Amino acid sequence: MNVSDAVARRKSCRAFLPDPVPVATIRDLLQRARQAPSGGNLQPWRVWVVTGAARDRLVAAVKDAIAADPFTDESAFPVYPPKLWEPYRTRRFENGEEMYALLGIPRDDKPARLARLAENFSFFGAPAGLFFSLDKGFGPPQFAHLGMFMATLALLAEEAGLATCMQEAWQRRQMTVSACLNLPEDQRLYCGMALGRADTAHPVNAMRATRAEVPNFAEFQED
């Protein structure tokens, strides 16, 4: 598979098969992803991998935290601006509506929508979860470096026949996750990533988010 094919095929997988992913495979993906661009060669990313019993303990801990207080938001920072503007608001809205339509969940069925949202916290059934953190002293440039590392990792996973879903939803329970992972005090959790084999029979995996055309985001100045 070439890079163009991996980019074209990668998408957010929201239903996984339970087949385990060998730790050796994940280690190899990380070994190759470390070649991602990094300003000043800081390589600021830290990665925390959970599989097997460790994964199950973390999922159970977050489930218990949600059951104890479903309305608590542990976010260290907002994932989206509080009042999203156009065209970003519409893009986010349409993305969500397309997903719920594929699942047959109407807009007025709040319990079903919340239950679906909660599936984030079991990695959508994926057998492996990865969490990404940065030193608390780092700022926006280092978040960009981390994003390039995560994108590289996702493309390498695609090449290996695996699917991924980058999950900012974990930010809402970042304190619980940080405690489960025993994150050092100097680390700030950013998000998670589900990793495994896609359940291609699940309707949600028919979804491919639309992307804006080049004229909508790029300006060419030639003269």
N, C-alpha and C. Protein backbone atom coordinates (compact mmCIF):
# COMPACT_ATOMS: atom_id res chain seq x y z
N MET A 1 0.85 -1.19 0.00
CA MET A 1 0.00 0.00 0.00
C MET A 1 0.89 1.25 0.00
N ASN A 2 0.62 2.19 -0.92
CA ASN A 2 1.39 3.42 -0.93
C ASN A 2 0.72 4.46 -0.02
N VAL A 3 1.40 5.59 0.15
CA VAL A 3 0.90 6.61 1.07
C VAL A 3 -0.46 7.14 0.63
N SER A 4 -0.63 7.37 -0.67
CA SER A 4 -1.91 7.89 -1.17
C SER A 4 -3.05 6.94 -0.85
N ASP A 5 -2.82 5.65 -1.00
CA ASP A 5 -3.86 4.67 -0.69
C ASP A 5 -4.20 4.68 0.80
N ALA A 6 -3.17 4.77 1.64
CA ALA A 6 -3.42 4.79 3.08
C ALA A 6 -4.22 6.02 3.49
N VAL A 7 -3.88 7.18 2.90
CA VAL A 7 -4.61 8.41 3.20
C VAL A 7 -6.06 8.29 2.74
N ALA A 8 -6.28 7.72 1.57
CA ALA A 8 -7.63 7.60 1.02
C ALA A 8 -8.48 6.61 1.82
N ARG A 9 -7.86 5.59 2.37
CA ARG A 9 -8.61 4.55 3.07
C ARG A 9 -8.84 4.86 4.54
N ARG A 10 -7.95 5.64 5.15
CA ARG A 10 -8.09 5.91 6.58
C ARG A 10 -9.38 6.65 6.89
N LYS A 11 -10.06 6.21 7.91
CA LYS A 11 -11.24 6.90 8.41
C LYS A 11 -11.43 6.52 9.87
N SER A 12 -12.32 7.22 10.53
CA SER A 12 -12.60 6.92 11.93
C SER A 12 -13.48 5.68 12.01
N CYS A 13 -12.94 4.62 12.57
CA CYS A 13 -13.68 3.38 12.75
C CYS A 13 -14.42 3.44 14.08
N ARG A 14 -15.71 3.17 14.07
CA ARG A 14 -16.50 3.27 15.31
C ARG A 14 -17.16 1.96 15.70
N ALA A 15 -16.64 0.86 15.16
CA ALA A 15 -17.08 -0.49 15.58
C ALA A 15 -15.95 -1.44 15.22
N PHE A 16 -15.44 -2.14 16.22
CA PHE A 16 -14.28 -3.01 16.03
C PHE A 16 -14.62 -4.45 16.35
N LEU A 17 -13.85 -5.36 15.77
CA LEU A 17 -13.90 -6.76 16.15
C LEU A 17 -13.07 -6.95 17.42
N PRO A 18 -13.38 -7.98 18.22
CA PRO A 18 -12.64 -8.17 19.48
C PRO A 18 -11.28 -8.83 19.30
N ASP A 19 -10.91 -9.21 18.06
CA ASP A 19 -9.65 -9.91 17.84
C ASP A 19 -8.47 -9.13 18.42
N PRO A 20 -7.66 -9.76 19.29
CA PRO A 20 -6.53 -9.04 19.90
C PRO A 20 -5.51 -8.57 18.87
N VAL A 21 -4.88 -7.46 19.16
CA VAL A 21 -3.75 -6.96 18.37
C VAL A 21 -2.49 -7.25 19.17
N PRO A 22 -1.57 -8.03 18.63
CA PRO A 22 -0.35 -8.35 19.39
C PRO A 22 0.39 -7.08 19.82
N VAL A 23 0.89 -7.10 21.06
CA VAL A 23 1.66 -5.97 21.56
C VAL A 23 2.87 -5.71 20.66
N ALA A 24 3.45 -6.78 20.11
CA ALA A 24 4.60 -6.62 19.22
C ALA A 24 4.23 -5.80 17.99
N THR A 25 3.00 -5.96 17.51
CA THR A 25 2.54 -5.18 16.36
C THR A 25 2.42 -3.71 16.72
N ILE A 26 1.85 -3.42 17.89
CA ILE A 26 1.71 -2.03 18.32
C ILE A 26 3.08 -1.40 18.53
N ARG A 27 3.98 -2.16 19.11
CA ARG A 27 5.33 -1.65 19.34
C ARG A 27 6.00 -1.31 18.01
N ASP A 28 5.79 -2.16 17.00
CA ASP A 28 6.39 -1.91 15.68
C ASP A 28 5.79 -0.66 15.04
N LEU A 29 4.48 -0.46 15.18
CA LEU A 29 3.85 0.73 14.63
C LEU A 29 4.43 1.99 15.28
N LEU A 30 4.62 1.95 16.59
CA LEU A 30 5.19 3.10 17.30
C LEU A 30 6.65 3.32 16.89
N GLN A 31 7.36 2.23 16.69
CA GLN A 31 8.76 2.33 16.27
C GLN A 31 8.88 3.08 14.95
N ARG A 32 7.94 2.82 14.04
CA ARG A 32 8.00 3.48 12.74
C ARG A 32 7.38 4.87 12.77
N ALA A 33 6.36 5.06 13.60
CA ALA A 33 5.69 6.37 13.68
C ALA A 33 6.60 7.44 14.27
N ARG A 34 7.64 7.05 15.00
CA ARG A 34 8.52 8.04 15.63
C ARG A 34 9.27 8.89 14.62
N GLN A 35 9.20 8.52 13.33
CA GLN A 35 9.82 9.33 12.27
C GLN A 35 8.94 10.50 11.86
N ALA A 36 7.81 10.69 12.52
CA ALA A 36 6.92 11.81 12.21
C ALA A 36 7.64 13.14 12.40
N PRO A 37 7.23 14.18 11.68
CA PRO A 37 7.86 15.49 11.84
C PRO A 37 7.74 16.00 13.27
N SER A 38 8.78 16.72 13.70
CA SER A 38 8.75 17.30 15.04
C SER A 38 9.65 18.53 15.05
N GLY A 39 9.05 19.70 15.25
CA GLY A 39 9.82 20.94 15.27
C GLY A 39 10.92 20.91 16.32
N GLY A 40 12.12 21.23 15.90
CA GLY A 40 13.26 21.22 16.81
C GLY A 40 13.63 19.82 17.28
N ASN A 41 13.02 18.81 16.66
CA ASN A 41 13.23 17.42 17.04
C ASN A 41 12.93 17.18 18.53
N LEU A 42 11.94 17.93 19.07
CA LEU A 42 11.59 17.76 20.48
C LEU A 42 10.98 16.39 20.75
N GLN A 43 10.26 15.85 19.76
CA GLN A 43 9.56 14.58 19.96
C GLN A 43 8.80 14.61 21.29
N PRO A 44 7.84 15.54 21.43
CA PRO A 44 7.25 15.79 22.75
C PRO A 44 6.23 14.76 23.20
N TRP A 45 5.85 13.86 22.32
CA TRP A 45 4.75 12.93 22.62
C TRP A 45 5.14 11.86 23.64
N ARG A 46 4.14 11.50 24.44
CA ARG A 46 4.22 10.31 25.28
C ARG A 46 3.01 9.46 24.94
N VAL A 47 3.19 8.15 24.91
CA VAL A 47 2.12 7.24 24.51
C VAL A 47 1.93 6.19 25.61
N TRP A 48 0.69 5.91 25.93
CA TRP A 48 0.33 4.95 26.97
C TRP A 48 -0.60 3.92 26.32
N VAL A 49 -0.18 2.68 26.28
CA VAL A 49 -0.90 1.62 25.57
C VAL A 49 -1.59 0.70 26.57
N VAL A 50 -2.87 0.42 26.35
CA VAL A 50 -3.59 -0.52 27.21
C VAL A 50 -4.20 -1.62 26.35
N THR A 51 -3.95 -2.85 26.75
CA THR A 51 -4.55 -4.02 26.12
C THR A 51 -4.93 -5.00 27.22
N GLY A 52 -5.67 -6.03 26.86
CA GLY A 52 -5.99 -7.10 27.80
C GLY A 52 -6.64 -6.61 29.08
N ALA A 53 -6.18 -7.14 30.22
CA ALA A 53 -6.78 -6.81 31.51
C ALA A 53 -6.62 -5.33 31.85
N ALA A 54 -5.48 -4.73 31.45
CA ALA A 54 -5.27 -3.30 31.72
C ALA A 54 -6.32 -2.46 31.01
N ARG A 55 -6.62 -2.82 29.78
CA ARG A 55 -7.66 -2.11 29.03
C ARG A 55 -9.01 -2.25 29.73
N ASP A 56 -9.32 -3.46 30.14
CA ASP A 56 -10.62 -3.72 30.77
C ASP A 56 -10.74 -2.97 32.10
N ARG A 57 -9.66 -2.90 32.87
CA ARG A 57 -9.71 -2.16 34.14
C ARG A 57 -9.98 -0.68 33.91
N LEU A 58 -9.33 -0.12 32.89
CA LEU A 58 -9.53 1.30 32.60
C LEU A 58 -10.96 1.56 32.15
N VAL A 59 -11.47 0.72 31.26
CA VAL A 59 -12.85 0.89 30.78
C VAL A 59 -13.83 0.79 31.95
N ALA A 60 -13.60 -0.17 32.86
CA ALA A 60 -14.48 -0.33 34.01
C ALA A 60 -14.41 0.88 34.94
N ALA A 61 -13.21 1.42 35.14
CA ALA A 61 -13.06 2.58 36.02
C ALA A 61 -13.80 3.79 35.47
N VAL A 62 -13.69 4.01 34.17
CA VAL A 62 -14.39 5.15 33.56
C VAL A 62 -15.90 4.92 33.59
N LYS A 63 -16.33 3.69 33.36
CA LYS A 63 -17.76 3.37 33.42
C LYS A 63 -18.30 3.65 34.82
N ASP A 64 -17.55 3.27 35.85
CA ASP A 64 -17.97 3.53 37.23
C ASP A 64 -18.03 5.02 37.51
N ALA A 65 -17.06 5.77 37.00
CA ALA A 65 -17.04 7.22 37.22
C ALA A 65 -18.25 7.88 36.56
N ILE A 66 -18.60 7.41 35.37
CA ILE A 66 -19.77 7.97 34.68
C ILE A 66 -21.05 7.62 35.42
N ALA A 67 -21.14 6.39 35.92
CA ALA A 67 -22.34 5.97 36.66
C ALA A 67 -22.49 6.78 37.95
N ALA A 68 -21.37 7.07 38.60
CA ALA A 68 -21.41 7.83 39.86
C ALA A 68 -21.81 9.28 39.63
N ASP A 69 -21.36 9.85 38.52
CA ASP A 69 -21.69 11.25 38.22
C ASP A 69 -21.62 11.44 36.70
N PRO A 70 -22.73 11.21 36.02
CA PRO A 70 -22.71 11.27 34.55
C PRO A 70 -22.50 12.66 33.98
N PHE A 71 -22.62 13.71 34.80
CA PHE A 71 -22.55 15.07 34.27
C PHE A 71 -21.21 15.75 34.51
N THR A 72 -20.32 15.09 35.23
CA THR A 72 -19.01 15.69 35.49
C THR A 72 -18.19 15.77 34.20
N ASP A 73 -17.55 16.90 34.01
CA ASP A 73 -16.65 17.09 32.87
C ASP A 73 -15.25 17.35 33.44
N GLU A 74 -14.35 16.39 33.24
CA GLU A 74 -13.00 16.48 33.80
C GLU A 74 -12.01 17.14 32.84
N SER A 75 -12.50 17.72 31.77
CA SER A 75 -11.63 18.25 30.73
C SER A 75 -10.64 19.27 31.28
N ALA A 76 -9.40 19.16 30.81
CA ALA A 76 -8.39 20.15 31.17
C ALA A 76 -8.48 21.37 30.27
N PHE A 77 -9.13 21.22 29.13
CA PHE A 77 -9.33 22.31 28.19
C PHE A 77 -10.48 21.91 27.27
N PRO A 78 -11.19 22.88 26.66
CA PRO A 78 -12.30 22.53 25.77
C PRO A 78 -11.79 21.92 24.47
N VAL A 79 -12.43 20.84 24.05
CA VAL A 79 -12.06 20.21 22.77
C VAL A 79 -12.49 21.10 21.61
N TYR A 80 -13.64 21.75 21.75
CA TYR A 80 -14.14 22.70 20.74
C TYR A 80 -14.37 24.05 21.42
N PRO A 81 -14.27 25.14 20.67
CA PRO A 81 -14.65 26.44 21.23
C PRO A 81 -16.09 26.41 21.71
N PRO A 82 -16.43 27.15 22.76
CA PRO A 82 -17.79 27.09 23.32
C PRO A 82 -18.88 27.50 22.35
N LYS A 83 -18.59 28.44 21.46
CA LYS A 83 -19.59 28.86 20.47
C LYS A 83 -18.95 28.71 19.08
N LEU A 84 -19.10 27.51 18.54
CA LEU A 84 -18.47 27.20 17.25
C LEU A 84 -19.15 28.00 16.14
N TRP A 85 -18.38 28.55 15.24
CA TRP A 85 -18.89 29.40 14.17
C TRP A 85 -18.88 28.63 12.85
N GLU A 86 -19.45 29.27 11.84
CA GLU A 86 -19.52 28.65 10.52
C GLU A 86 -18.20 28.84 9.77
N PRO A 87 -17.84 27.85 8.91
CA PRO A 87 -18.60 26.66 8.53
C PRO A 87 -18.39 25.48 9.45
N TYR A 88 -17.65 25.68 10.54
CA TYR A 88 -17.24 24.55 11.38
C TYR A 88 -18.42 23.96 12.16
N ARG A 89 -19.34 24.84 12.58
CA ARG A 89 -20.51 24.35 13.31
C ARG A 89 -21.32 23.39 12.45
N THR A 90 -21.57 23.77 11.20
CA THR A 90 -22.36 22.93 10.31
C THR A 90 -21.64 21.62 10.00
N ARG A 91 -20.34 21.69 9.79
CA ARG A 91 -19.58 20.46 9.52
C ARG A 91 -19.72 19.47 10.66
N ARG A 92 -19.58 19.97 11.88
CA ARG A 92 -19.68 19.08 13.04
C ARG A 92 -21.10 18.52 13.16
N PHE A 93 -22.10 19.39 12.99
CA PHE A 93 -23.49 18.96 13.10
C PHE A 93 -23.82 17.89 12.06
N GLU A 94 -23.45 18.13 10.82
CA GLU A 94 -23.78 17.18 9.75
C GLU A 94 -23.06 15.85 9.95
N ASN A 95 -21.85 15.90 10.47
CA ASN A 95 -21.11 14.67 10.73
C ASN A 95 -21.84 13.80 11.75
N GLY A 96 -22.31 14.44 12.82
CA GLY A 96 -23.04 13.70 13.84
C GLY A 96 -24.36 13.16 13.32
N GLU A 97 -25.09 13.98 12.56
CA GLU A 97 -26.38 13.54 12.04
C GLU A 97 -26.23 12.36 11.07
N GLU A 98 -25.18 12.38 10.27
CA GLU A 98 -24.95 11.27 9.35
C GLU A 98 -24.69 9.98 10.12
N MET A 99 -23.91 10.06 11.18
CA MET A 99 -23.61 8.88 11.97
C MET A 99 -24.87 8.32 12.62
N TYR A 100 -25.67 9.18 13.25
CA TYR A 100 -26.88 8.69 13.90
C TYR A 100 -27.89 8.15 12.90
N ALA A 101 -27.93 8.71 11.71
CA ALA A 101 -28.83 8.20 10.67
C ALA A 101 -28.45 6.77 10.27
N LEU A 102 -27.15 6.54 10.13
CA LEU A 102 -26.69 5.18 9.79
C LEU A 102 -27.04 4.19 10.89
N LEU A 103 -27.07 4.66 12.13
CA LEU A 103 -27.39 3.79 13.25
C LEU A 103 -28.90 3.70 13.51
N GLY A 104 -29.67 4.48 12.77
CA GLY A 104 -31.12 4.45 12.95
C GLY A 104 -31.57 5.09 14.25
N ILE A 105 -30.82 6.08 14.73
CA ILE A 105 -31.17 6.75 15.99
C ILE A 105 -31.71 8.14 15.67
N PRO A 106 -33.00 8.37 15.89
CA PRO A 106 -33.57 9.69 15.57
C PRO A 106 -33.07 10.77 16.52
N ARG A 107 -33.22 12.02 16.10
CA ARG A 107 -32.69 13.16 16.85
C ARG A 107 -33.34 13.28 18.23
N ASP A 108 -34.60 12.88 18.34
CA ASP A 108 -35.29 13.06 19.62
C ASP A 108 -35.07 11.90 20.59
N ASP A 109 -34.30 10.90 20.20
CA ASP A 109 -34.02 9.77 21.09
C ASP A 109 -32.73 10.05 21.86
N LYS A 110 -32.85 10.89 22.86
CA LYS A 110 -31.67 11.31 23.62
C LYS A 110 -30.98 10.15 24.34
N PRO A 111 -31.73 9.23 24.98
CA PRO A 111 -31.06 8.11 25.65
C PRO A 111 -30.20 7.27 24.71
N ALA A 112 -30.72 7.02 23.50
CA ALA A 112 -29.97 6.20 22.54
C ALA A 112 -28.72 6.94 22.08
N ARG A 113 -28.84 8.25 21.91
CA ARG A 113 -27.68 9.04 21.48
C ARG A 113 -26.61 9.08 22.58
N LEU A 114 -27.05 9.21 23.83
CA LEU A 114 -26.10 9.22 24.92
C LEU A 114 -25.43 7.86 25.09
N ALA A 115 -26.22 6.79 24.88
CA ALA A 115 -25.65 5.44 24.98
C ALA A 115 -24.60 5.23 23.89
N ARG A 116 -24.88 5.74 22.71
CA ARG A 116 -23.90 5.63 21.63
C ARG A 116 -22.65 6.43 21.95
N LEU A 117 -22.82 7.62 22.49
CA LEU A 117 -21.68 8.45 22.87
C LEU A 117 -20.81 7.73 23.90
N ALA A 118 -21.46 7.01 24.82
CA ALA A 118 -20.73 6.31 25.88
C ALA A 118 -19.85 5.20 25.34
N GLU A 119 -20.14 4.72 24.13
CA GLU A 119 -19.33 3.66 23.55
C GLU A 119 -17.91 4.13 23.25
N ASN A 120 -17.71 5.44 23.20
CA ASN A 120 -16.34 5.96 23.10
C ASN A 120 -15.47 5.38 24.21
N PHE A 121 -16.09 5.24 25.39
CA PHE A 121 -15.31 4.89 26.58
C PHE A 121 -15.08 3.38 26.73
N SER A 122 -15.44 2.64 25.69
CA SER A 122 -15.00 1.25 25.59
C SER A 122 -14.22 1.05 24.30
N PHE A 123 -13.71 2.16 23.76
CA PHE A 123 -12.94 2.14 22.51
C PHE A 123 -13.75 1.55 21.35
N PHE A 124 -15.07 1.69 21.41
CA PHE A 124 -15.94 1.12 20.37
C PHE A 124 -15.68 -0.37 20.17
N GLY A 125 -15.27 -1.03 21.25
CA GLY A 125 -15.03 -2.47 21.19
C GLY A 125 -13.63 -2.85 20.75
N ALA A 126 -12.78 -1.89 20.46
CA ALA A 126 -11.41 -2.20 20.02
C ALA A 126 -10.64 -2.87 21.16
N PRO A 127 -9.78 -3.84 20.84
CA PRO A 127 -9.03 -4.55 21.87
C PRO A 127 -7.83 -3.78 22.42
N ALA A 128 -7.46 -2.71 21.75
CA ALA A 128 -6.29 -1.93 22.18
C ALA A 128 -6.64 -0.45 22.20
N GLY A 129 -6.14 0.22 23.21
CA GLY A 129 -6.32 1.66 23.31
C GLY A 129 -4.99 2.33 23.54
N LEU A 130 -4.81 3.48 22.92
CA LEU A 130 -3.59 4.27 23.12
C LEU A 130 -4.01 5.65 23.61
N PHE A 131 -3.24 6.18 24.55
CA PHE A 131 -3.47 7.53 25.03
C PHE A 131 -2.22 8.35 24.79
N PHE A 132 -2.43 9.63 24.52
CA PHE A 132 -1.33 10.52 24.16
C PHE A 132 -1.30 11.69 25.13
N SER A 133 -0.11 12.00 25.60
CA SER A 133 0.04 13.10 26.53
C SER A 133 1.25 13.94 26.18
N LEU A 134 1.28 15.13 26.75
CA LEU A 134 2.39 16.07 26.60
C LEU A 134 2.78 16.60 27.96
N ASP A 135 4.02 17.02 28.08
CA ASP A 135 4.46 17.72 29.28
C ASP A 135 3.61 18.99 29.44
N LYS A 136 3.21 19.29 30.66
CA LYS A 136 2.34 20.44 30.91
C LYS A 136 2.98 21.76 30.53
N GLY A 137 4.29 21.78 30.37
CA GLY A 137 4.97 23.01 29.96
C GLY A 137 4.87 23.30 28.48
N PHE A 138 4.40 22.34 27.70
CA PHE A 138 4.31 22.53 26.25
C PHE A 138 3.03 23.28 25.88
N GLY A 139 3.06 23.89 24.67
CA GLY A 139 1.92 24.67 24.20
C GLY A 139 1.45 24.24 22.82
N PRO A 140 0.74 25.14 22.12
CA PRO A 140 0.15 24.80 20.82
C PRO A 140 1.13 24.20 19.81
N PRO A 141 2.37 24.69 19.66
CA PRO A 141 3.25 24.07 18.67
C PRO A 141 3.49 22.59 18.94
N GLN A 142 3.63 22.22 20.22
CA GLN A 142 3.89 20.82 20.54
C GLN A 142 2.64 19.96 20.36
N PHE A 143 1.46 20.56 20.55
CA PHE A 143 0.23 19.83 20.23
C PHE A 143 0.20 19.51 18.73
N ALA A 144 0.70 20.44 17.91
CA ALA A 144 0.77 20.19 16.46
C ALA A 144 1.72 19.03 16.17
N HIS A 145 2.86 18.98 16.88
CA HIS A 145 3.80 17.87 16.68
C HIS A 145 3.13 16.55 17.04
N LEU A 146 2.39 16.54 18.15
CA LEU A 146 1.69 15.33 18.57
C LEU A 146 0.67 14.91 17.53
N GLY A 147 -0.05 15.88 16.96
CA GLY A 147 -1.02 15.56 15.92
C GLY A 147 -0.38 14.91 14.71
N MET A 148 0.81 15.39 14.32
CA MET A 148 1.50 14.78 13.18
C MET A 148 1.94 13.35 13.51
N PHE A 149 2.34 13.14 14.76
CA PHE A 149 2.71 11.79 15.18
C PHE A 149 1.51 10.86 15.14
N MET A 150 0.37 11.33 15.63
CA MET A 150 -0.84 10.51 15.65
C MET A 150 -1.32 10.19 14.24
N ALA A 151 -1.25 11.17 13.34
CA ALA A 151 -1.66 10.93 11.95
C ALA A 151 -0.74 9.91 11.30
N THR A 152 0.55 10.02 11.56
CA THR A 152 1.50 9.05 11.00
C THR A 152 1.19 7.65 11.51
N LEU A 153 0.91 7.54 12.80
CA LEU A 153 0.58 6.25 13.40
C LEU A 153 -0.68 5.66 12.77
N ALA A 154 -1.70 6.49 12.56
CA ALA A 154 -2.95 6.01 11.97
C ALA A 154 -2.73 5.49 10.55
N LEU A 155 -1.88 6.17 9.77
CA LEU A 155 -1.61 5.72 8.40
C LEU A 155 -0.82 4.42 8.39
N LEU A 156 0.11 4.28 9.32
CA LEU A 156 0.86 3.03 9.41
C LEU A 156 -0.05 1.88 9.84
N ALA A 157 -1.00 2.16 10.72
CA ALA A 157 -1.96 1.14 11.12
C ALA A 157 -2.80 0.71 9.92
N GLU A 158 -3.21 1.67 9.10
CA GLU A 158 -3.98 1.36 7.89
C GLU A 158 -3.18 0.43 6.98
N GLU A 159 -1.92 0.73 6.81
CA GLU A 159 -1.05 -0.11 5.98
C GLU A 159 -0.97 -1.53 6.54
N ALA A 160 -1.04 -1.66 7.87
CA ALA A 160 -0.94 -2.97 8.51
C ALA A 160 -2.27 -3.71 8.56
N GLY A 161 -3.30 -3.14 7.95
CA GLY A 161 -4.60 -3.80 7.94
C GLY A 161 -5.41 -3.55 9.20
N LEU A 162 -5.04 -2.53 9.95
CA LEU A 162 -5.75 -2.20 11.18
C LEU A 162 -6.51 -0.89 11.03
N ALA A 163 -7.50 -0.72 11.86
CA ALA A 163 -8.32 0.50 11.84
C ALA A 163 -8.08 1.29 13.11
N THR A 164 -8.36 2.58 13.05
CA THR A 164 -8.17 3.46 14.20
C THR A 164 -9.34 4.42 14.34
N CYS A 165 -9.47 4.98 15.52
CA CYS A 165 -10.37 6.10 15.73
C CYS A 165 -9.71 7.01 16.77
N MET A 166 -9.42 8.24 16.37
CA MET A 166 -8.88 9.21 17.31
C MET A 166 -10.02 9.75 18.15
N GLN A 167 -9.86 9.71 19.47
CA GLN A 167 -10.98 9.96 20.37
C GLN A 167 -10.68 11.09 21.35
N GLU A 168 -11.11 12.27 21.01
CA GLU A 168 -10.99 13.39 21.94
C GLU A 168 -12.01 13.28 23.07
N ALA A 169 -13.00 12.39 22.93
CA ALA A 169 -14.02 12.21 23.97
C ALA A 169 -13.41 11.85 25.31
N TRP A 170 -12.27 11.16 25.30
CA TRP A 170 -11.63 10.78 26.55
C TRP A 170 -11.24 11.99 27.40
N GLN A 171 -11.12 13.16 26.78
CA GLN A 171 -10.76 14.36 27.53
C GLN A 171 -11.79 14.63 28.63
N ARG A 172 -13.03 14.27 28.41
CA ARG A 172 -14.08 14.50 29.41
C ARG A 172 -13.86 13.68 30.68
N ARG A 173 -13.04 12.64 30.58
CA ARG A 173 -12.74 11.81 31.75
C ARG A 173 -11.23 11.70 31.94
N GLN A 174 -10.53 12.78 31.61
CA GLN A 174 -9.06 12.72 31.61
C GLN A 174 -8.48 12.51 32.99
N MET A 175 -9.13 12.98 34.03
CA MET A 175 -8.61 12.77 35.38
C MET A 175 -8.69 11.31 35.79
N THR A 176 -9.81 10.67 35.46
CA THR A 176 -9.98 9.24 35.77
C THR A 176 -8.98 8.42 34.98
N VAL A 177 -8.83 8.73 33.70
CA VAL A 177 -7.87 7.99 32.86
C VAL A 177 -6.45 8.20 33.37
N SER A 178 -6.10 9.43 33.69
CA SER A 178 -4.75 9.73 34.17
C SER A 178 -4.43 8.95 35.43
N ALA A 179 -5.42 8.84 36.32
CA ALA A 179 -5.21 8.08 37.55
C ALA A 179 -5.02 6.59 37.25
N CYS A 180 -5.82 6.06 36.33
CA CYS A 180 -5.70 4.63 35.98
C CYS A 180 -4.34 4.33 35.35
N LEU A 181 -3.83 5.27 34.56
CA LEU A 181 -2.57 5.07 33.86
C LEU A 181 -1.36 5.46 34.71
N ASN A 182 -1.63 6.01 35.90
CA ASN A 182 -0.55 6.52 36.76
C ASN A 182 0.32 7.53 36.01
N LEU A 183 -0.34 8.44 35.30
CA LEU A 183 0.40 9.48 34.59
C LEU A 183 1.19 10.33 35.58
N PRO A 184 2.44 10.65 35.27
CA PRO A 184 3.20 11.56 36.12
C PRO A 184 2.52 12.92 36.20
N GLU A 185 2.77 13.63 37.29
CA GLU A 185 2.14 14.93 37.51
C GLU A 185 2.47 15.92 36.41
N ASP A 186 3.61 15.76 35.73
CA ASP A 186 4.00 16.74 34.72
C ASP A 186 3.36 16.48 33.36
N GLN A 187 2.52 15.44 33.26
CA GLN A 187 1.91 15.09 31.97
C GLN A 187 0.47 15.55 31.88
N ARG A 188 0.08 16.06 30.71
CA ARG A 188 -1.29 16.46 30.42
C ARG A 188 -1.84 15.52 29.35
N LEU A 189 -2.90 14.80 29.68
CA LEU A 189 -3.52 13.88 28.72
C LEU A 189 -4.24 14.68 27.64
N TYR A 190 -4.01 14.29 26.38
CA TYR A 190 -4.72 14.95 25.28
C TYR A 190 -5.93 14.13 24.84
N CYS A 191 -5.70 12.93 24.30
CA CYS A 191 -6.82 12.15 23.79
C CYS A 191 -6.43 10.68 23.71
N GLY A 192 -7.36 9.88 23.23
CA GLY A 192 -7.10 8.46 23.06
C GLY A 192 -7.21 8.05 21.61
N MET A 193 -6.87 6.79 21.34
CA MET A 193 -7.03 6.23 20.01
C MET A 193 -7.42 4.75 20.15
N ALA A 194 -8.50 4.37 19.52
CA ALA A 194 -8.90 2.97 19.46
C ALA A 194 -8.14 2.31 18.31
N LEU A 195 -7.69 1.08 18.53
CA LEU A 195 -6.90 0.37 17.53
C LEU A 195 -7.33 -1.08 17.48
N GLY A 196 -7.62 -1.57 16.28
CA GLY A 196 -8.01 -2.96 16.12
C GLY A 196 -8.42 -3.23 14.69
N ARG A 197 -9.19 -4.28 14.52
CA ARG A 197 -9.69 -4.62 13.19
C ARG A 197 -11.14 -4.15 13.07
N ALA A 198 -11.45 -3.50 11.97
CA ALA A 198 -12.79 -2.94 11.78
C ALA A 198 -13.83 -4.03 11.64
N ASP A 199 -14.99 -3.80 12.24
CA ASP A 199 -16.15 -4.64 12.01
C ASP A 199 -16.84 -4.10 10.77
N THR A 200 -16.49 -4.64 9.63
CA THR A 200 -16.98 -4.10 8.36
C THR A 200 -18.48 -4.33 8.16
N ALA A 201 -19.07 -5.22 8.96
CA ALA A 201 -20.50 -5.48 8.82
C ALA A 201 -21.34 -4.47 9.60
N HIS A 202 -20.71 -3.70 10.46
CA HIS A 202 -21.47 -2.75 11.28
C HIS A 202 -21.82 -1.54 10.43
N PRO A 203 -23.09 -1.09 10.48
CA PRO A 203 -23.51 0.02 9.62
C PRO A 203 -22.74 1.31 9.83
N VAL A 204 -22.28 1.58 11.05
CA VAL A 204 -21.60 2.84 11.30
C VAL A 204 -20.30 2.95 10.51
N ASN A 205 -19.71 1.81 10.16
CA ASN A 205 -18.44 1.86 9.44
C ASN A 205 -18.62 2.08 7.94
N ALA A 206 -19.86 2.25 7.52
CA ALA A 206 -20.10 2.69 6.14
C ALA A 206 -19.89 4.19 6.01
N MET A 207 -19.76 4.85 7.13
CA MET A 207 -19.65 6.31 7.11
C MET A 207 -18.25 6.76 6.73
N ARG A 208 -18.19 7.74 5.87
CA ARG A 208 -16.94 8.44 5.56
C ARG A 208 -17.26 9.93 5.56
N ALA A 209 -16.68 10.62 6.50
CA ALA A 209 -16.97 12.05 6.64
C ALA A 209 -16.59 12.81 5.37
N THR A 210 -17.44 13.73 4.99
CA THR A 210 -17.16 14.55 3.81
C THR A 210 -16.05 15.55 4.13
N ARG A 211 -15.32 15.93 3.10
CA ARG A 211 -14.24 16.89 3.26
C ARG A 211 -14.47 18.07 2.31
N ALA A 212 -14.12 19.25 2.77
CA ALA A 212 -14.24 20.45 1.95
C ALA A 212 -13.31 20.35 0.74
N GLU A 213 -13.73 20.91 -0.37
CA GLU A 213 -12.90 20.93 -1.58
C GLU A 213 -11.77 21.94 -1.41
N VAL A 214 -10.71 21.75 -2.16
CA VAL A 214 -9.50 22.57 -2.03
C VAL A 214 -9.80 24.08 -2.09
N PRO A 215 -10.65 24.57 -3.01
CA PRO A 215 -10.91 26.02 -3.05
C PRO A 215 -11.50 26.58 -1.76
N ASN A 216 -12.07 25.70 -0.91
CA ASN A 216 -12.66 26.16 0.33
C ASN A 216 -11.62 26.43 1.41
N PHE A 217 -10.42 25.92 1.25
CA PHE A 217 -9.44 26.12 2.32
C PHE A 217 -8.04 26.53 1.84
N ALA A 218 -7.83 26.57 0.53
CA ALA A 218 -6.49 26.90 0.04
C ALA A 218 -6.55 28.08 -0.92
N GLU A 219 -5.57 28.97 -0.82
CA GLU A 219 -5.45 30.12 -1.72
C GLU A 219 -4.08 30.07 -2.39
N PHE A 220 -4.08 30.14 -3.70
CA PHE A 220 -2.82 30.08 -4.46
C PHE A 220 -2.47 31.48 -4.93
N GLN A 221 -1.27 31.92 -4.62
CA GLN A 221 -0.78 33.22 -5.04
C GLN A 221 0.45 32.99 -5.92
N GLU A 222 0.28 33.25 -7.22
CA GLU A 222 1.34 32.90 -8.18
C GLU A 222 2.01 34.12 -8.81
N ASP A 223 1.42 35.27 -8.74
CA ASP A 223 2.00 36.44 -9.40
C ASP A 223 2.43 37.47 -8.35
